[in-house]
Amino acid sequence: MSGPAPSIAVVGAGKMGSALLAGLWRGEKLGRVLVIEPNPAPDVVELCRAKNFALFARVESSDAPVDALVLAIKPQMLEAAAPALSPLVGPDTLVLSVLAGKRVADLASRLPARAFVRAMPNTPAAVGRGVTGAYPSPGVEPGQLSLAQALLSAVGSVEWVETEELIDAVTAISGSGPAYLFYLAECLAAAGVAAGLPDELAARLARATVEGAGELMHRTPDASPGRLRENVTSPGGTTAAALGVLMAKDGLEPLLTRAVAAAKRRAAELSG
């Protein structure tokens, strides 16, 4: 980005808030950074000290508006927290929300801003390997969009969607998706035990296999998952035998389709 270094306030330093803070700014010049967290964990205190971020328990009435206000509190806290945040919000402030289930209309009715970005990161953001789906409200200016991109890129890749309704689908795929893969590792380990392996060995093999397959996809971005699958599947071999079960009409794809549909419905209900 060009121009003056942006001022940023991050409200909430839990898992996602602290992940965003840890990623700031990866080479970008920073202006004032405020962290609002009444009960900071020791690692958050140390992080703020190391990066020279100002850590406060609450917003003071004398605080000036910032360029970007990042909301990383629990969604149910928005109603109570919003009035106290008004000193940080000016006419040119971008409000970037990672609050699950809170729509732009919810934010706009509580904060005196014109520009909002609703974002859905996922838990691998904690290790800089997250993916975030994001939607910008019509009031977001190009410079604010660049600022949001830079903020969210601190924890991984960013994918922008054209309508806010698509955030529910993003939630169902990437927001909840890590849990599906963790459960896959659990199931693979359980299958290993059923096949005769000791519990701990089955767990290690399953975990390492999921980790390694993910890293292989990461390092070969030009190869589709289908191509990578074909690369390890010999005709008539053991992998083909297993895939014959997983790729059956009642196999993994229809099961995941139903699971994602259930997650999307629940996301829509929570966004109400």
C-alpha atoms as a PDB file:
ATOM      1  CA  MET A   1       0.000   0.000   0.000  1.00  0.00           C
ATOM      2  CA  SER A   2       1.039   3.613  -0.532  1.00  0.00           C
ATOM      3  CA  GLY A   3       0.239   6.734   1.436  1.00  0.00           C
ATOM      4  CA  PRO A   4       0.329   7.373   5.179  1.00  0.00           C
ATOM      5  CA  ALA A   5       0.671   4.359   7.458  1.00  0.00           C
ATOM      6  CA  PRO A   6      -2.819   3.283   8.573  1.00  0.00           C
ATOM      7  CA  SER A   7      -4.011   3.398  12.155  1.00  0.00           C
ATOM      8  CA  ILE A   8      -5.697   0.226  13.362  1.00  0.00           C
ATOM      9  CA  ALA A   9      -7.691  -0.820  16.405  1.00  0.00           C
ATOM     10  CA  VAL A  10      -8.248  -4.515  17.087  1.00  0.00           C
ATOM     11  CA  VAL A  11     -11.088  -5.165  19.516  1.00  0.00           C
ATOM     12  CA  GLY A  12     -10.748  -8.593  21.069  1.00  0.00           C
ATOM     13  CA  ALA A  13      -7.490 -10.533  21.337  1.00  0.00           C
ATOM     14  CA  GLY A  14      -8.758 -14.094  21.523  1.00  0.00           C
ATOM     15  CA  LYS A  15      -7.643 -16.749  19.036  1.00  0.00           C
ATOM     16  CA  MET A  16      -8.553 -14.891  15.856  1.00  0.00           C
ATOM     17  CA  GLY A  17      -7.719 -11.414  17.149  1.00  0.00           C
ATOM     18  CA  SER A  18      -4.305 -12.519  18.384  1.00  0.00           C
ATOM     19  CA  ALA A  19      -3.657 -14.366  15.089  1.00  0.00           C
ATOM     20  CA  LEU A  20      -4.338 -11.139  13.179  1.00  0.00           C
ATOM     21  CA  LEU A  21      -2.098  -9.199  15.545  1.00  0.00           C
ATOM     22  CA  ALA A  22       0.721 -11.722  15.187  1.00  0.00           C
ATOM     23  CA  GLY A  23       0.552 -11.365  11.400  1.00  0.00           C
ATOM     24  CA  LEU A  24       0.618  -7.567  11.345  1.00  0.00           C
ATOM     25  CA  TRP A  25       2.079  -6.360   9.142  1.00  0.00           C
ATOM     26  CA  ARG A  26       4.590  -8.534   7.312  1.00  0.00           C
ATOM     27  CA  GLY A  27       6.666  -5.807   5.804  1.00  0.00           C
ATOM     28  CA  GLU A  28       4.060  -3.042   5.686  1.00  0.00           C
ATOM     29  CA  LYS A  29       4.652   0.185   7.576  1.00  0.00           C
ATOM     30  CA  LEU A  30       2.281   0.534  10.511  1.00  0.00           C
ATOM     31  CA  GLY A  31       0.790   3.604  12.090  1.00  0.00           C
ATOM     32  CA  ARG A  32      -0.894   3.590  15.483  1.00  0.00           C
ATOM     33  CA  VAL A  33      -2.121   0.141  16.584  1.00  0.00           C
ATOM     34  CA  LEU A  34      -4.525  -0.122  19.494  1.00  0.00           C
ATOM     35  CA  VAL A  35      -5.501  -3.445  21.041  1.00  0.00           C
ATOM     36  CA  ILE A  36      -8.643  -3.419  23.166  1.00  0.00           C
ATOM     37  CA  GLU A  37      -8.784  -6.485  25.400  1.00  0.00           C
ATOM     38  CA  PRO A  38      -9.856  -6.413  29.077  1.00  0.00           C
ATOM     39  CA  ASN A  39      -8.370  -9.842  29.867  1.00  0.00           C
ATOM     40  CA  PRO A  40      -5.296 -10.317  27.690  1.00  0.00           C
ATOM     41  CA  ALA A  41      -3.486 -13.632  27.823  1.00  0.00           C
ATOM     42  CA  PRO A  42       0.238 -13.468  28.696  1.00  0.00           C
ATOM     43  CA  ASP A  43       1.229 -14.182  25.086  1.00  0.00           C
ATOM     44  CA  VAL A  44      -0.927 -11.260  23.906  1.00  0.00           C
ATOM     45  CA  VAL A  45       0.741  -8.944  26.432  1.00  0.00           C
ATOM     46  CA  GLU A  46       4.154 -10.083  25.228  1.00  0.00           C
ATOM     47  CA  LEU A  47       3.153  -9.740  21.570  1.00  0.00           C
ATOM     48  CA  CYS A  48       1.953  -6.170  22.083  1.00  0.00           C
ATOM     49  CA  ARG A  49       5.113  -5.302  23.974  1.00  0.00           C
ATOM     50  CA  ALA A  50       7.321  -6.791  21.241  1.00  0.00           C
ATOM     51  CA  LYS A  51       5.483  -5.037  18.400  1.00  0.00           C
ATOM     52  CA  ASN A  52       4.934  -1.783  20.277  1.00  0.00           C
ATOM     53  CA  PHE A  53       1.141  -2.094  20.072  1.00  0.00           C
ATOM     54  CA  ALA A  54      -0.843  -0.092  22.634  1.00  0.00           C
ATOM     55  CA  LEU A  55      -2.840  -2.471  24.821  1.00  0.00           C
ATOM     56  CA  PHE A  56      -5.867  -1.157  26.736  1.00  0.00           C
ATOM     57  CA  ALA A  57      -8.732  -2.716  28.656  1.00  0.00           C
ATOM     58  CA  ARG A  58     -11.295  -0.324  27.178  1.00  0.00           C
ATOM     59  CA  VAL A  59     -11.778   2.529  24.743  1.00  0.00           C
ATOM     60  CA  GLU A  60     -11.377   6.005  26.203  1.00  0.00           C
ATOM     61  CA  SER A  61     -13.663   8.870  25.191  1.00  0.00           C
ATOM     62  CA  SER A  62     -10.571  10.833  24.167  1.00  0.00           C
ATOM     63  CA  ASP A  63      -9.443   8.219  21.634  1.00  0.00           C
ATOM     64  CA  ALA A  64      -9.347   9.382  18.004  1.00  0.00           C
ATOM     65  CA  PRO A  65     -10.947   7.574  15.061  1.00  0.00           C
ATOM     66  CA  VAL A  66      -8.801   4.962  13.328  1.00  0.00           C
ATOM     67  CA  ASP A  67      -8.485   3.979   9.691  1.00  0.00           C
ATOM     68  CA  ALA A  68      -9.572   0.412  10.417  1.00  0.00           C
ATOM     69  CA  LEU A  69     -11.547  -1.007  13.316  1.00  0.00           C
ATOM     70  CA  VAL A  70     -11.202  -4.804  13.482  1.00  0.00           C
ATOM     71  CA  LEU A  71     -13.950  -6.538  15.424  1.00  0.00           C
ATOM     72  CA  ALA A  72     -12.718  -9.862  16.808  1.00  0.00           C
ATOM     73  CA  ILE A  73     -14.901 -10.179  19.902  1.00  0.00           C
ATOM     74  CA  LYS A  74     -17.483 -12.892  20.457  1.00  0.00           C
ATOM     75  CA  PRO A  75     -20.556 -12.206  18.293  1.00  0.00           C
ATOM     76  CA  GLN A  76     -22.874 -12.085  21.283  1.00  0.00           C
ATOM     77  CA  MET A  77     -20.816  -9.221  22.731  1.00  0.00           C
ATOM     78  CA  LEU A  78     -21.479  -6.837  19.826  1.00  0.00           C
ATOM     79  CA  GLU A  79     -24.627  -5.295  21.281  1.00  0.00           C
ATOM     80  CA  ALA A  80     -22.953  -4.342  24.559  1.00  0.00           C
ATOM     81  CA  ALA A  81     -19.576  -3.387  23.099  1.00  0.00           C
ATOM     82  CA  ALA A  82     -20.641  -1.222  20.149  1.00  0.00           C
ATOM     83  CA  PRO A  83     -21.601   1.991  22.020  1.00  0.00           C
ATOM     84  CA  ALA A  84     -18.207   2.150  23.728  1.00  0.00           C
ATOM     85  CA  LEU A  85     -16.397   1.837  20.389  1.00  0.00           C
ATOM     86  CA  SER A  86     -17.849   5.007  18.853  1.00  0.00           C
ATOM     87  CA  PRO A  87     -14.771   7.214  19.616  1.00  0.00           C
ATOM     88  CA  LEU A  88     -12.753   4.972  17.290  1.00  0.00           C
ATOM     89  CA  VAL A  89     -15.197   5.276  14.390  1.00  0.00           C
ATOM     90  CA  GLY A  90     -15.124   8.272  12.070  1.00  0.00           C
ATOM     91  CA  PRO A  91     -16.684   8.889   8.638  1.00  0.00           C
ATOM     92  CA  ASP A  92     -13.637   7.351   6.921  1.00  0.00           C
ATOM     93  CA  THR A  93     -13.197   4.376   9.237  1.00  0.00           C
ATOM     94  CA  LEU A  94     -13.334   0.880   7.747  1.00  0.00           C
ATOM     95  CA  VAL A  95     -15.034  -1.618  10.050  1.00  0.00           C
ATOM     96  CA  LEU A  96     -13.690  -5.111   9.424  1.00  0.00           C
ATOM     97  CA  SER A  97     -15.693  -7.776  11.226  1.00  0.00           C
ATOM     98  CA  VAL A  98     -14.780 -11.427  11.777  1.00  0.00           C
ATOM     99  CA  LEU A  99     -17.901 -11.954  13.893  1.00  0.00           C
ATOM    100  CA  ALA A 100     -19.686 -15.112  12.777  1.00  0.00           C
ATOM    101  CA  GLY A 101     -23.358 -14.580  12.079  1.00  0.00           C
ATOM    102  CA  LYS A 102     -23.298 -10.773  12.201  1.00  0.00           C
ATOM    103  CA  ARG A 103     -24.354  -9.237   8.896  1.00  0.00           C
ATOM    104  CA  VAL A 104     -23.345  -5.831   7.547  1.00  0.00           C
ATOM    105  CA  ALA A 105     -26.810  -4.546   8.519  1.00  0.00           C
ATOM    106  CA  ASP A 106     -26.164  -5.604  12.134  1.00  0.00           C
ATOM    107  CA  LEU A 107     -22.899  -3.681  12.172  1.00  0.00           C
ATOM    108  CA  ALA A 108     -24.269  -0.608  10.385  1.00  0.00           C
ATOM    109  CA  SER A 109     -27.130  -0.300  12.857  1.00  0.00           C
ATOM    110  CA  ARG A 110     -24.676  -0.139  15.768  1.00  0.00           C
ATOM    111  CA  LEU A 111     -21.594   1.682  14.488  1.00  0.00           C
ATOM    112  CA  PRO A 112     -21.496   5.125  12.788  1.00  0.00           C
ATOM    113  CA  ALA A 113     -19.403   4.023   9.799  1.00  0.00           C
ATOM    114  CA  ARG A 114     -20.059   3.887   6.053  1.00  0.00           C
ATOM    115  CA  ALA A 115     -17.650   1.137   5.042  1.00  0.00           C
ATOM    116  CA  PHE A 116     -17.868  -2.448   6.285  1.00  0.00           C
ATOM    117  CA  VAL A 117     -16.116  -5.688   5.395  1.00  0.00           C
ATOM    118  CA  ARG A 118     -17.559  -8.920   6.670  1.00  0.00           C
ATOM    119  CA  ALA A 119     -14.923 -11.660   6.810  1.00  0.00           C
ATOM    120  CA  MET A 120     -14.893 -15.356   7.658  1.00  0.00           C
ATOM    121  CA  PRO A 121     -11.373 -16.622   8.452  1.00  0.00           C
ATOM    122  CA  ASN A 122     -10.662 -20.147   9.649  1.00  0.00           C
ATOM    123  CA  THR A 123      -8.538 -21.589  12.428  1.00  0.00           C
ATOM    124  CA  PRO A 124      -5.355 -22.270  10.374  1.00  0.00           C
ATOM    125  CA  ALA A 125      -4.997 -18.470  10.527  1.00  0.00           C
ATOM    126  CA  ALA A 126      -3.247 -19.172  13.848  1.00  0.00           C
ATOM    127  CA  VAL A 127      -0.272 -20.540  11.890  1.00  0.00           C
ATOM    128  CA  GLY A 128      -0.505 -18.132   8.953  1.00  0.00           C
ATOM    129  CA  ARG A 129      -2.134 -20.721   6.688  1.00  0.00           C
ATOM    130  CA  GLY A 130      -5.761 -19.656   6.913  1.00  0.00           C
ATOM    131  CA  VAL A 131      -8.130 -18.753   4.131  1.00  0.00           C
ATOM    132  CA  THR A 132     -10.647 -15.946   4.539  1.00  0.00           C
ATOM    133  CA  GLY A 133     -13.813 -15.323   2.582  1.00  0.00           C
ATOM    134  CA  ALA A 134     -14.748 -11.636   2.627  1.00  0.00           C
ATOM    135  CA  TYR A 135     -17.538  -9.364   1.422  1.00  0.00           C
ATOM    136  CA  PRO A 136     -17.193  -5.559   1.091  1.00  0.00           C
ATOM    137  CA  SER A 137     -20.253  -3.379   1.577  1.00  0.00           C
ATOM    138  CA  PRO A 138     -21.089  -0.882  -1.220  1.00  0.00           C
ATOM    139  CA  GLY A 139     -19.539   1.953   0.816  1.00  0.00           C
ATOM    140  CA  VAL A 140     -16.024   0.478   0.801  1.00  0.00           C
ATOM    141  CA  GLU A 141     -13.565   2.654  -1.159  1.00  0.00           C
ATOM    142  CA  PRO A 142     -10.675   1.158  -3.198  1.00  0.00           C
ATOM    143  CA  GLY A 143      -8.110   2.234  -0.611  1.00  0.00           C
ATOM    144  CA  GLN A 144     -10.153   0.654   2.168  1.00  0.00           C
ATOM    145  CA  LEU A 145     -10.455  -2.545   0.154  1.00  0.00           C
ATOM    146  CA  SER A 146      -6.662  -2.639  -0.154  1.00  0.00           C
ATOM    147  CA  LEU A 147      -6.355  -2.080   3.581  1.00  0.00           C
ATOM    148  CA  ALA A 148      -8.758  -4.951   4.314  1.00  0.00           C
ATOM    149  CA  GLN A 149      -6.845  -7.180   1.903  1.00  0.00           C
ATOM    150  CA  ALA A 150      -3.580  -6.375   3.667  1.00  0.00           C
ATOM    151  CA  LEU A 151      -5.041  -6.978   7.124  1.00  0.00           C
ATOM    152  CA  LEU A 152      -6.598 -10.311   6.228  1.00  0.00           C
ATOM    153  CA  SER A 153      -3.576 -11.455   4.218  1.00  0.00           C
ATOM    154  CA  ALA A 154      -1.605 -11.352   7.467  1.00  0.00           C
ATOM    155  CA  VAL A 155      -3.087 -14.762   8.332  1.00  0.00           C
ATOM    156  CA  GLY A 156      -3.327 -16.438   4.915  1.00  0.00           C
ATOM    157  CA  SER A 157      -5.074 -16.114   1.567  1.00  0.00           C
ATOM    158  CA  VAL A 158      -8.185 -14.016   0.928  1.00  0.00           C
ATOM    159  CA  GLU A 159     -11.108 -14.753  -1.395  1.00  0.00           C
ATOM    160  CA  TRP A 160     -13.656 -11.998  -2.086  1.00  0.00           C
ATOM    161  CA  VAL A 161     -17.321 -12.804  -2.760  1.00  0.00           C
ATOM    162  CA  GLU A 162     -19.775 -10.627  -4.656  1.00  0.00           C
ATOM    163  CA  THR A 163     -22.817 -11.017  -2.383  1.00  0.00           C
ATOM    164  CA  GLU A 164     -23.087 -11.218   1.364  1.00  0.00           C
ATOM    165  CA  GLU A 165     -25.268 -14.331   1.149  1.00  0.00           C
ATOM    166  CA  LEU A 166     -22.251 -16.272  -0.149  1.00  0.00           C
ATOM    167  CA  ILE A 167     -20.550 -15.814   3.216  1.00  0.00           C
ATOM    168  CA  ASP A 168     -22.844 -18.569   4.545  1.00  0.00           C
ATOM    169  CA  ALA A 169     -21.443 -20.963   1.925  1.00  0.00           C
ATOM    170  CA  VAL A 170     -17.892 -19.821   2.729  1.00  0.00           C
ATOM    171  CA  THR A 171     -18.586 -20.562   6.388  1.00  0.00           C
ATOM    172  CA  ALA A 172     -19.769 -24.062   5.509  1.00  0.00           C
ATOM    173  CA  ILE A 173     -16.705 -24.857   3.370  1.00  0.00           C
ATOM    174  CA  SER A 174     -13.624 -23.120   4.734  1.00  0.00           C
ATOM    175  CA  GLY A 175     -14.867 -21.711   8.034  1.00  0.00           C
ATOM    176  CA  SER A 176     -16.018 -25.092   9.336  1.00  0.00           C
ATOM    177  CA  GLY A 177     -13.849 -27.119   6.958  1.00  0.00           C
ATOM    178  CA  PRO A 178     -10.846 -27.660   9.256  1.00  0.00           C
ATOM    179  CA  ALA A 179     -13.106 -29.591  11.634  1.00  0.00           C
ATOM    180  CA  TYR A 180     -14.117 -31.905   8.779  1.00  0.00           C
ATOM    181  CA  LEU A 181     -10.468 -32.691   8.067  1.00  0.00           C
ATOM    182  CA  PHE A 182      -9.646 -33.206  11.735  1.00  0.00           C
ATOM    183  CA  TYR A 183     -12.552 -35.636  11.901  1.00  0.00           C
ATOM    184  CA  LEU A 184     -11.241 -37.378   8.768  1.00  0.00           C
ATOM    185  CA  ALA A 185      -7.946 -37.931  10.603  1.00  0.00           C
ATOM    186  CA  GLU A 186      -9.897 -39.332  13.567  1.00  0.00           C
ATOM    187  CA  CYS A 187     -11.837 -41.705  11.324  1.00  0.00           C
ATOM    188  CA  LEU A 188      -8.714 -42.805   9.460  1.00  0.00           C
ATOM    189  CA  ALA A 189      -7.050 -43.619  12.771  1.00  0.00           C
ATOM    190  CA  ALA A 190     -10.102 -45.564  13.943  1.00  0.00           C
ATOM    191  CA  ALA A 191     -10.084 -47.503  10.659  1.00  0.00           C
ATOM    192  CA  GLY A 192      -6.425 -48.311  11.236  1.00  0.00           C
ATOM    193  CA  VAL A 193      -7.237 -49.737  14.662  1.00  0.00           C
ATOM    194  CA  ALA A 194     -10.035 -51.802  13.107  1.00  0.00           C
ATOM    195  CA  ALA A 195      -7.469 -53.110  10.608  1.00  0.00           C
ATOM    196  CA  GLY A 196      -5.247 -54.324  13.459  1.00  0.00           C
ATOM    197  CA  LEU A 197      -2.872 -51.436  14.171  1.00  0.00           C
ATOM    198  CA  PRO A 198      -2.112 -50.325  17.746  1.00  0.00           C
ATOM    199  CA  ASP A 199      -4.043 -47.178  18.726  1.00  0.00           C
ATOM    200  CA  GLU A 200      -1.078 -44.813  18.971  1.00  0.00           C
ATOM    201  CA  LEU A 201       0.520 -46.027  15.749  1.00  0.00           C
ATOM    202  CA  ALA A 202      -2.764 -45.674  13.848  1.00  0.00           C
ATOM    203  CA  ALA A 203      -3.167 -42.122  15.199  1.00  0.00           C
ATOM    204  CA  ARG A 204       0.373 -41.151  14.173  1.00  0.00           C
ATOM    205  CA  LEU A 205      -0.011 -42.611  10.691  1.00  0.00           C
ATOM    206  CA  ALA A 206      -3.390 -40.918  10.137  1.00  0.00           C
ATOM    207  CA  ARG A 207      -2.187 -37.545  11.371  1.00  0.00           C
ATOM    208  CA  ALA A 208       1.015 -37.595   9.341  1.00  0.00           C
ATOM    209  CA  THR A 209      -0.881 -38.676   6.233  1.00  0.00           C
ATOM    210  CA  VAL A 210      -3.360 -35.790   6.454  1.00  0.00           C
ATOM    211  CA  GLU A 211      -0.553 -33.318   7.214  1.00  0.00           C
ATOM    212  CA  GLY A 212       1.583 -34.571   4.343  1.00  0.00           C
ATOM    213  CA  ALA A 213      -1.243 -34.631   1.804  1.00  0.00           C
ATOM    214  CA  GLY A 214      -2.163 -31.050   2.710  1.00  0.00           C
ATOM    215  CA  GLU A 215       1.439 -29.917   2.341  1.00  0.00           C
ATOM    216  CA  LEU A 216       1.708 -31.688  -1.028  1.00  0.00           C
ATOM    217  CA  MET A 217      -1.353 -29.793  -2.269  1.00  0.00           C
ATOM    218  CA  HIS A 218       0.155 -26.570  -0.952  1.00  0.00           C
ATOM    219  CA  ARG A 219       3.411 -27.132  -2.800  1.00  0.00           C
ATOM    220  CA  THR A 220       1.794 -28.193  -6.081  1.00  0.00           C
ATOM    221  CA  PRO A 221      -0.814 -25.461  -6.726  1.00  0.00           C
ATOM    222  CA  ASP A 222      -1.045 -26.268 -10.430  1.00  0.00           C
ATOM    223  CA  ALA A 223      -2.164 -29.841  -9.752  1.00  0.00           C
ATOM    224  CA  SER A 224      -5.852 -30.290  -8.960  1.00  0.00           C
ATOM    225  CA  PRO A 225      -6.870 -32.531  -6.037  1.00  0.00           C
ATOM    226  CA  GLY A 226      -8.266 -34.927  -8.638  1.00  0.00           C
ATOM    227  CA  ARG A 227      -4.913 -35.127 -10.426  1.00  0.00           C
ATOM    228  CA  LEU A 228      -3.074 -35.687  -7.133  1.00  0.00           C
ATOM    229  CA  ARG A 229      -5.528 -38.465  -6.289  1.00  0.00           C
ATOM    230  CA  GLU A 230      -4.950 -40.096  -9.679  1.00  0.00           C
ATOM    231  CA  ASN A 231      -1.192 -39.889  -9.164  1.00  0.00           C
ATOM    232  CA  VAL A 232      -1.373 -42.268  -6.178  1.00  0.00           C
ATOM    233  CA  THR A 233      -4.023 -44.587  -7.613  1.00  0.00           C
ATOM    234  CA  SER A 234      -2.742 -47.589  -9.540  1.00  0.00           C
ATOM    235  CA  PRO A 235      -5.369 -49.481 -11.561  1.00  0.00           C
ATOM    236  CA  GLY A 236      -6.456 -52.536  -9.630  1.00  0.00           C
ATOM    237  CA  GLY A 237      -4.368 -51.581  -6.608  1.00  0.00           C
ATOM    238  CA  THR A 238      -5.111 -51.008  -2.937  1.00  0.00           C
ATOM    239  CA  THR A 239      -5.932 -47.298  -3.319  1.00  0.00           C
ATOM    240  CA  ALA A 240      -8.349 -48.062  -6.142  1.00  0.00           C
ATOM    241  CA  ALA A 241     -10.077 -50.639  -3.946  1.00  0.00           C
ATOM    242  CA  ALA A 242     -10.611 -48.077  -1.180  1.00  0.00           C
ATOM    243  CA  LEU A 243     -11.723 -45.356  -3.594  1.00  0.00           C
ATOM    244  CA  GLY A 244     -14.288 -47.723  -5.017  1.00  0.00           C
ATOM    245  CA  VAL A 245     -16.025 -47.471  -1.643  1.00  0.00           C
ATOM    246  CA  LEU A 246     -15.432 -43.750  -1.069  1.00  0.00           C
ATOM    247  CA  MET A 247     -16.543 -42.759  -4.583  1.00  0.00           C
ATOM    248  CA  ALA A 248     -19.682 -44.900  -4.682  1.00  0.00           C
ATOM    249  CA  LYS A 249     -23.091 -43.244  -5.121  1.00  0.00           C
ATOM    250  CA  ASP A 250     -23.580 -43.338  -1.347  1.00  0.00           C
ATOM    251  CA  GLY A 251     -19.937 -42.543  -0.637  1.00  0.00           C
ATOM    252  CA  LEU A 252     -18.019 -39.497   0.531  1.00  0.00           C
ATOM    253  CA  GLU A 253     -19.175 -36.849  -1.970  1.00  0.00           C
ATOM    254  CA  PRO A 254     -22.927 -37.035  -1.223  1.00  0.00           C
ATOM    255  CA  LEU A 255     -22.149 -37.261   2.493  1.00  0.00           C
ATOM    256  CA  LEU A 256     -20.026 -34.095   2.388  1.00  0.00           C
ATOM    257  CA  THR A 257     -22.620 -32.354   0.242  1.00  0.00           C
ATOM    258  CA  ARG A 258     -25.243 -33.011   2.910  1.00  0.00           C
ATOM    259  CA  ALA A 259     -22.865 -31.934   5.671  1.00  0.00           C
ATOM    260  CA  VAL A 260     -22.005 -28.641   3.935  1.00  0.00           C
ATOM    261  CA  ALA A 261     -25.683 -27.977   3.226  1.00  0.00           C
ATOM    262  CA  ALA A 262     -26.434 -28.458   6.935  1.00  0.00           C
ATOM    263  CA  ALA A 263     -23.642 -26.062   7.896  1.00  0.00           C
ATOM    264  CA  LYS A 264     -24.840 -23.470   5.369  1.00  0.00           C
ATOM    265  CA  ARG A 265     -28.412 -23.680   6.678  1.00  0.00           C
ATOM    266  CA  ARG A 266     -27.178 -23.184  10.233  1.00  0.00           C
ATOM    267  CA  ALA A 267     -25.019 -20.234   9.189  1.00  0.00           C
ATOM    268  CA  ALA A 268     -28.072 -18.603   7.606  1.00  0.00           C
ATOM    269  CA  GLU A 269     -30.111 -19.247  10.765  1.00  0.00           C
ATOM    270  CA  LEU A 270     -27.436 -17.678  12.972  1.00  0.00           C
ATOM    271  CA  SER A 271     -27.202 -14.671  10.658  1.00  0.00           C
ATOM    272  CA  GLY A 272     -31.020 -14.400  10.808  1.00  0.00           C
END
